[in-house]
């Protein structure tokens, strides 16, 4: 029997995938597919990565100071900044408790790692936990929360231009986030009396802020001893590079441009649906360097899994998620394709509607046209 045009259209509609539809599986189905060994934490293995990264950082710093060549300094900055970012990922494991089963070890190592890169460990840990508990929720999420249409339209044109047409600005906002949180949210990761924290958490925040201040004081002292330019070259520029890594990676894990990702409000949100809005990314040669942080979906659903088991867990569970799992684009040795994805996403993902329990990013045509004209001029 011949198939009519209308029938073919109906088939296409049936085959079309709606990423915002409730998934036909449960969180327990994904959990059941993950091998038992993926949940096992080895403190010795975790500490070996800390030793590896700090050894590489020390060797790079020694070599850079020894040769002191302006030809080599840019290479050092990129390599060292990438390792600083790797330290953040290990500290992130400490914050989730996936580093080890010992809260004391997690806290001690987390403070060493995060204080070294000027992150207040407990302040960040608590807000990051809030991010995981509310991932994909328009108002309650903590990381890269969408700007509402009302807030967006009240922004000055200058603010919009800086935020959406100059990626370098968006990739340097993390220190500001630590001080002031995201737009529309109040509190500071350094202030124990911030609305971010409960009274029971205040002493923890004081400890982390004190460690942060000690690291800053150390850098100031080193500037007096060796000169501010030397400290800027050895530590300052790599720190900036690490911030760019952090902002770019975290942004790309929660934004796309080819397929719009859903954001939820009210009864439409659930832990599972919110977690399925995250995206895995392939970082080429950097996958091993920054501890496979590109395997983000399984991490968001089950943050207790150590980073060294995430690839195995993802491969075992992605068949359960089906189309809700977005297979990352295969990268070459250097993930240059992600630069294009970052630019394209910033150009299209501007704000979400003030109403509706399922929303998608909308595009400001004025900014999109500006970005397009700018690329033509250049």
Foldseek 3Di string as FASTA:
>chain_A
DDDDPVNVVVVVVVVDDDLLDPDPDDLVLLVVLFDPVLLDADLVVLVVLVVVLVVVLVVLLVVCVVVVDPVCLVVSLLVNLLSLLLLVLSLLLLLLQLNDVDVVVSLVSNLVSCLLLLHLSLLVSLLVVQQLQQFQAQPRHFPPRFAAPVRLVPDDPVVLCQCQQPVLSLLQCVVVCQQAGDPPDGFHSQQLPTPSDDPVCSVSSPVSNVSNVVSVVVLVVVCVVVNNVSSCSSPVSSSSSNSSVVSLLSVQQQFFQVDWFKGFYDPSDDSLSSLLNTAAADAALCCVSSLNCSLPSVCSSPVSRHSVSSVVSCVSRVVVVPPSHDDYDDAYNGRPVSVVGSSNRSQAFHHWYPDDGIITGGHDVVSNVVSVVVVVVD
